[in-house]
């Protein structure tokens, strides 16, 4: 697992503590790996679990979103963040991240 994925798991677990995500979101960080966000929190993802939504972005985009330097909706609208699956769940996660 990459350092970026490890750092993302730690940061997301702090941010999402008790947030009550209803479903599972896979976040694919290009060239780094993936993580799965669910009601249990964030964890590194081997890619074998089901997800209701998959978000894909570069490491730079993901780090900018986590740092608060890039709004997830803006990232999506500009094509820097791709979403497949449950758009409502993606929007809820985006709200929690911003």
C-alpha atoms as a PDB file:
ATOM      1  CA  UNK A   1       0.000   0.000   0.000  1.00  0.00           C
ATOM      2  CA  UNK A   2       1.284   3.472  -0.824  1.00  0.00           C
ATOM      3  CA  UNK A   3       2.019   6.246   1.632  1.00  0.00           C
ATOM      4  CA  UNK A   4      -0.674   8.356  -0.053  1.00  0.00           C
ATOM      5  CA  UNK A   5      -3.325   5.684   0.562  1.00  0.00           C
ATOM      6  CA  UNK A   6      -2.153   5.240   4.177  1.00  0.00           C
ATOM      7  CA  UNK A   7      -2.338   8.988   4.797  1.00  0.00           C
ATOM      8  CA  UNK A   8      -5.744   9.191   3.116  1.00  0.00           C
ATOM      9  CA  UNK A   9      -7.168   6.407   5.295  1.00  0.00           C
ATOM     10  CA  UNK A  10      -5.960   8.178   8.446  1.00  0.00           C
ATOM     11  CA  UNK A  11      -7.280  11.601   7.356  1.00  0.00           C
ATOM     12  CA  UNK A  12     -10.640  10.243   6.224  1.00  0.00           C
ATOM     13  CA  UNK A  13     -11.200   8.300   9.427  1.00  0.00           C
ATOM     14  CA  UNK A  14     -10.648  11.515  11.403  1.00  0.00           C
ATOM     15  CA  UNK A  15     -13.011  13.496   9.179  1.00  0.00           C
ATOM     16  CA  UNK A  16     -15.756  10.918   8.842  1.00  0.00           C
ATOM     17  CA  UNK A  17     -15.895   9.801  12.469  1.00  0.00           C
ATOM     18  CA  UNK A  18     -19.582   9.159  13.127  1.00  0.00           C
ATOM     19  CA  UNK A  19     -20.675  10.632   9.780  1.00  0.00           C
ATOM     20  CA  UNK A  20     -22.889   7.644   8.968  1.00  0.00           C
ATOM     21  CA  UNK A  21     -22.085   6.918   5.338  1.00  0.00           C
ATOM     22  CA  UNK A  22     -24.985   4.808   4.056  1.00  0.00           C
ATOM     23  CA  UNK A  23     -23.271   2.570   1.518  1.00  0.00           C
ATOM     24  CA  UNK A  24     -19.767   1.904   0.294  1.00  0.00           C
ATOM     25  CA  UNK A  25     -17.601   4.216  -1.782  1.00  0.00           C
ATOM     26  CA  UNK A  26     -14.382   3.087  -3.445  1.00  0.00           C
ATOM     27  CA  UNK A  27     -11.882   5.870  -4.057  1.00  0.00           C
ATOM     28  CA  UNK A  28      -9.302   4.940  -6.670  1.00  0.00           C
ATOM     29  CA  UNK A  29      -6.149   7.047  -6.504  1.00  0.00           C
ATOM     30  CA  UNK A  30      -4.460   6.631  -9.865  1.00  0.00           C
ATOM     31  CA  UNK A  31      -1.053   4.919  -9.713  1.00  0.00           C
ATOM     32  CA  UNK A  32      -1.318   4.614  -5.904  1.00  0.00           C
ATOM     33  CA  UNK A  33      -4.131   2.239  -4.961  1.00  0.00           C
ATOM     34  CA  UNK A  34      -7.645   2.434  -3.597  1.00  0.00           C
ATOM     35  CA  UNK A  35      -9.550   2.801  -0.385  1.00  0.00           C
ATOM     36  CA  UNK A  36     -13.054   1.858   0.639  1.00  0.00           C
ATOM     37  CA  UNK A  37     -15.217   4.215   2.674  1.00  0.00           C
ATOM     38  CA  UNK A  38     -18.255   2.779   4.477  1.00  0.00           C
ATOM     39  CA  UNK A  39     -20.181   3.066   7.728  1.00  0.00           C
ATOM     40  CA  UNK A  40     -17.180   1.366   9.361  1.00  0.00           C
ATOM     41  CA  UNK A  41     -14.826   4.148   8.199  1.00  0.00           C
ATOM     42  CA  UNK A  42     -12.064   4.189   5.611  1.00  0.00           C
ATOM     43  CA  UNK A  43      -9.700   1.313   4.919  1.00  0.00           C
ATOM     44  CA  UNK A  44      -7.234   0.308   2.223  1.00  0.00           C
ATOM     45  CA  UNK A  45      -9.088  -1.602  -0.488  1.00  0.00           C
ATOM     46  CA  UNK A  46      -7.875  -4.647  -2.368  1.00  0.00           C
ATOM     47  CA  UNK A  47     -10.645  -4.087  -4.903  1.00  0.00           C
ATOM     48  CA  UNK A  48     -12.614  -7.207  -4.160  1.00  0.00           C
ATOM     49  CA  UNK A  49     -15.497  -5.688  -2.187  1.00  0.00           C
ATOM     50  CA  UNK A  50     -18.699  -4.276  -3.615  1.00  0.00           C
ATOM     51  CA  UNK A  51     -19.077  -0.509  -3.784  1.00  0.00           C
ATOM     52  CA  UNK A  52     -22.170   1.575  -4.490  1.00  0.00           C
ATOM     53  CA  UNK A  53     -20.039   4.309  -6.006  1.00  0.00           C
ATOM     54  CA  UNK A  54     -16.506   4.577  -7.369  1.00  0.00           C
ATOM     55  CA  UNK A  55     -14.586   7.853  -7.425  1.00  0.00           C
ATOM     56  CA  UNK A  56     -11.385   8.086  -9.450  1.00  0.00           C
ATOM     57  CA  UNK A  57      -8.815  10.884  -9.356  1.00  0.00           C
ATOM     58  CA  UNK A  58      -5.098  11.526  -9.515  1.00  0.00           C
ATOM     59  CA  UNK A  59      -3.107  11.597  -6.287  1.00  0.00           C
ATOM     60  CA  UNK A  60      -2.731  15.366  -6.645  1.00  0.00           C
ATOM     61  CA  UNK A  61      -6.481  15.908  -7.008  1.00  0.00           C
ATOM     62  CA  UNK A  62      -7.254  13.645  -4.067  1.00  0.00           C
ATOM     63  CA  UNK A  63      -4.709  15.401  -1.856  1.00  0.00           C
ATOM     64  CA  UNK A  64      -6.091  18.813  -2.879  1.00  0.00           C
ATOM     65  CA  UNK A  65      -9.620  17.685  -1.933  1.00  0.00           C
ATOM     66  CA  UNK A  66      -8.479  16.358   1.459  1.00  0.00           C
ATOM     67  CA  UNK A  67      -6.484  19.522   2.151  1.00  0.00           C
ATOM     68  CA  UNK A  68      -9.543  21.655   1.418  1.00  0.00           C
ATOM     69  CA  UNK A  69      -7.829  23.331  -1.528  1.00  0.00           C
ATOM     70  CA  UNK A  70     -10.242  21.836  -4.088  1.00  0.00           C
ATOM     71  CA  UNK A  71     -13.995  21.502  -3.762  1.00  0.00           C
ATOM     72  CA  UNK A  72     -15.086  17.960  -4.746  1.00  0.00           C
ATOM     73  CA  UNK A  73     -17.925  19.340  -6.883  1.00  0.00           C
ATOM     74  CA  UNK A  74     -15.509  21.611  -8.749  1.00  0.00           C
ATOM     75  CA  UNK A  75     -13.162  18.659  -9.255  1.00  0.00           C
ATOM     76  CA  UNK A  76     -16.038  16.659 -10.748  1.00  0.00           C
ATOM     77  CA  UNK A  77     -17.259  19.507 -12.960  1.00  0.00           C
ATOM     78  CA  UNK A  78     -13.741  20.102 -14.308  1.00  0.00           C
ATOM     79  CA  UNK A  79     -13.180  16.405 -15.059  1.00  0.00           C
ATOM     80  CA  UNK A  80     -10.482  15.940 -12.420  1.00  0.00           C
ATOM     81  CA  UNK A  81     -12.757  13.604 -10.425  1.00  0.00           C
ATOM     82  CA  UNK A  82     -14.727  10.833 -12.139  1.00  0.00           C
ATOM     83  CA  UNK A  83     -17.804   9.266 -10.551  1.00  0.00           C
ATOM     84  CA  UNK A  84     -19.442   5.945 -11.406  1.00  0.00           C
ATOM     85  CA  UNK A  85     -22.513   4.599  -9.628  1.00  0.00           C
ATOM     86  CA  UNK A  86     -24.629   6.235  -6.936  1.00  0.00           C
ATOM     87  CA  UNK A  87     -24.280   9.985  -7.541  1.00  0.00           C
ATOM     88  CA  UNK A  88     -26.267  10.833  -4.374  1.00  0.00           C
ATOM     89  CA  UNK A  89     -23.780   8.938  -2.228  1.00  0.00           C
ATOM     90  CA  UNK A  90     -20.891  10.668  -4.004  1.00  0.00           C
ATOM     91  CA  UNK A  91     -22.485  14.064  -3.311  1.00  0.00           C
ATOM     92  CA  UNK A  92     -22.983  13.217   0.376  1.00  0.00           C
ATOM     93  CA  UNK A  93     -19.337  12.187   0.688  1.00  0.00           C
ATOM     94  CA  UNK A  94     -18.288  15.354  -1.156  1.00  0.00           C
ATOM     95  CA  UNK A  95     -20.238  17.451   1.350  1.00  0.00           C
ATOM     96  CA  UNK A  96     -18.513  15.686   4.240  1.00  0.00           C
ATOM     97  CA  UNK A  97     -15.087  16.261   2.678  1.00  0.00           C
ATOM     98  CA  UNK A  98     -15.520  19.964   1.974  1.00  0.00           C
END
